[in-house]
Amino acid sequence: MEKDLAAALLSFYQQILKPEFDAIKAKQSEHDEQFSEIAGHFDSLYHRIGRLEDEYLMTNVERHLNG
């Protein structure tokens, strides 16, 4: 009886659960790639904001020094 239950559970896993898990993993991988792309865009924006902040600070220093 235990072998029948084990065989039934294995069959259920192979026919029902495994395809669903594989589909979930594929979708998660797709989302991970999109998230990495978005994170790259944010990194680029933060870098640009940093440069703008540096320019702003330097402009204020120049303005302060020149009167």
C-alpha atoms as a PDB file:
ATOM      1  CA  MET A   1       0.000   0.000   0.000  1.00  0.00           C
ATOM      2  CA  GLU A   2       2.847   2.397   0.795  1.00  0.00           C
ATOM      3  CA  LYS A   3       4.348   1.688  -2.623  1.00  0.00           C
ATOM      4  CA  ASP A   4       1.007   2.518  -4.256  1.00  0.00           C
ATOM      5  CA  LEU A   5       0.823   5.791  -2.353  1.00  0.00           C
ATOM      6  CA  ALA A   6       4.424   6.651  -3.198  1.00  0.00           C
ATOM      7  CA  ALA A   7       3.810   5.824  -6.866  1.00  0.00           C
ATOM      8  CA  ALA A   8       0.627   7.918  -6.887  1.00  0.00           C
ATOM      9  CA  LEU A   9       2.389  10.872  -5.276  1.00  0.00           C
ATOM     10  CA  LEU A  10       5.300  10.600  -7.677  1.00  0.00           C
ATOM     11  CA  SER A  11       2.920  10.456 -10.610  1.00  0.00           C
ATOM     12  CA  PHE A  12       1.010  13.478  -9.281  1.00  0.00           C
ATOM     13  CA  TYR A  13       4.250  15.389  -8.889  1.00  0.00           C
ATOM     14  CA  GLN A  14       5.502  14.513 -12.381  1.00  0.00           C
ATOM     15  CA  GLN A  15       2.222  15.175 -14.167  1.00  0.00           C
ATOM     16  CA  ILE A  16       0.778  18.101 -12.222  1.00  0.00           C
ATOM     17  CA  LEU A  17       3.258  19.849  -9.965  1.00  0.00           C
ATOM     18  CA  LYS A  18       6.508  19.682 -11.933  1.00  0.00           C
ATOM     19  CA  PRO A  19       5.135  21.420 -15.053  1.00  0.00           C
ATOM     20  CA  GLU A  20       3.644  24.140 -12.855  1.00  0.00           C
ATOM     21  CA  PHE A  21       6.898  24.622 -10.949  1.00  0.00           C
ATOM     22  CA  ASP A  22       8.845  24.732 -14.214  1.00  0.00           C
ATOM     23  CA  ALA A  23       6.493  27.418 -15.554  1.00  0.00           C
ATOM     24  CA  ILE A  24       6.885  29.439 -12.351  1.00  0.00           C
ATOM     25  CA  LYS A  25      10.688  29.162 -12.526  1.00  0.00           C
ATOM     26  CA  ALA A  26      10.682  30.304 -16.165  1.00  0.00           C
ATOM     27  CA  LYS A  27       8.497  33.312 -15.358  1.00  0.00           C
ATOM     28  CA  GLN A  28      10.653  34.158 -12.344  1.00  0.00           C
ATOM     29  CA  SER A  29      13.766  34.035 -14.516  1.00  0.00           C
ATOM     30  CA  GLU A  30      12.106  36.382 -17.006  1.00  0.00           C
ATOM     31  CA  HIS A  31      11.212  38.791 -14.210  1.00  0.00           C
ATOM     32  CA  ASP A  32      14.752  38.597 -12.814  1.00  0.00           C
ATOM     33  CA  GLU A  33      16.139  39.691 -16.190  1.00  0.00           C
ATOM     34  CA  GLN A  34      13.685  42.588 -16.377  1.00  0.00           C
ATOM     35  CA  PHE A  35      14.494  43.603 -12.798  1.00  0.00           C
ATOM     36  CA  SER A  36      18.212  43.620 -13.581  1.00  0.00           C
ATOM     37  CA  GLU A  37      17.558  45.873 -16.561  1.00  0.00           C
ATOM     38  CA  ILE A  38      15.479  48.262 -14.446  1.00  0.00           C
ATOM     39  CA  ALA A  39      18.121  48.278 -11.703  1.00  0.00           C
ATOM     40  CA  GLY A  40      20.708  49.233 -14.326  1.00  0.00           C
ATOM     41  CA  HIS A  41      18.572  52.179 -15.394  1.00  0.00           C
ATOM     42  CA  PHE A  42      18.261  53.348 -11.791  1.00  0.00           C
ATOM     43  CA  ASP A  43      22.023  53.081 -11.332  1.00  0.00           C
ATOM     44  CA  SER A  44      22.486  55.263 -14.394  1.00  0.00           C
ATOM     45  CA  LEU A  45      20.025  57.828 -13.056  1.00  0.00           C
ATOM     46  CA  TYR A  46      21.718  57.935  -9.646  1.00  0.00           C
ATOM     47  CA  HIS A  47      25.073  58.455 -11.366  1.00  0.00           C
ATOM     48  CA  ARG A  48      23.678  61.370 -13.379  1.00  0.00           C
ATOM     49  CA  ILE A  49      22.061  62.893 -10.290  1.00  0.00           C
ATOM     50  CA  GLY A  50      25.410  62.638  -8.513  1.00  0.00           C
ATOM     51  CA  ARG A  51      27.120  64.521 -11.339  1.00  0.00           C
ATOM     52  CA  LEU A  52      24.431  67.209 -11.293  1.00  0.00           C
ATOM     53  CA  GLU A  53      24.845  67.588  -7.548  1.00  0.00           C
ATOM     54  CA  ASP A  54      28.614  67.933  -7.953  1.00  0.00           C
ATOM     55  CA  GLU A  55      28.149  70.593 -10.635  1.00  0.00           C
ATOM     56  CA  TYR A  56      25.668  72.451  -8.450  1.00  0.00           C
ATOM     57  CA  LEU A  57      28.060  72.423  -5.493  1.00  0.00           C
ATOM     58  CA  MET A  58      30.968  73.590  -7.639  1.00  0.00           C
ATOM     59  CA  THR A  59      28.850  76.389  -9.099  1.00  0.00           C
ATOM     60  CA  ASN A  60      27.947  77.543  -5.587  1.00  0.00           C
ATOM     61  CA  VAL A  61      31.592  77.437  -4.514  1.00  0.00           C
ATOM     62  CA  GLU A  62      32.631  79.484  -7.567  1.00  0.00           C
ATOM     63  CA  ARG A  63      29.843  81.965  -6.953  1.00  0.00           C
ATOM     64  CA  HIS A  64      30.862  82.265  -3.310  1.00  0.00           C
ATOM     65  CA  LEU A  65      34.555  82.774  -4.185  1.00  0.00           C
ATOM     66  CA  ASN A  66      33.870  85.297  -6.947  1.00  0.00           C
ATOM     67  CA  GLY A  67      31.651  87.392  -4.819  1.00  0.00           C
END
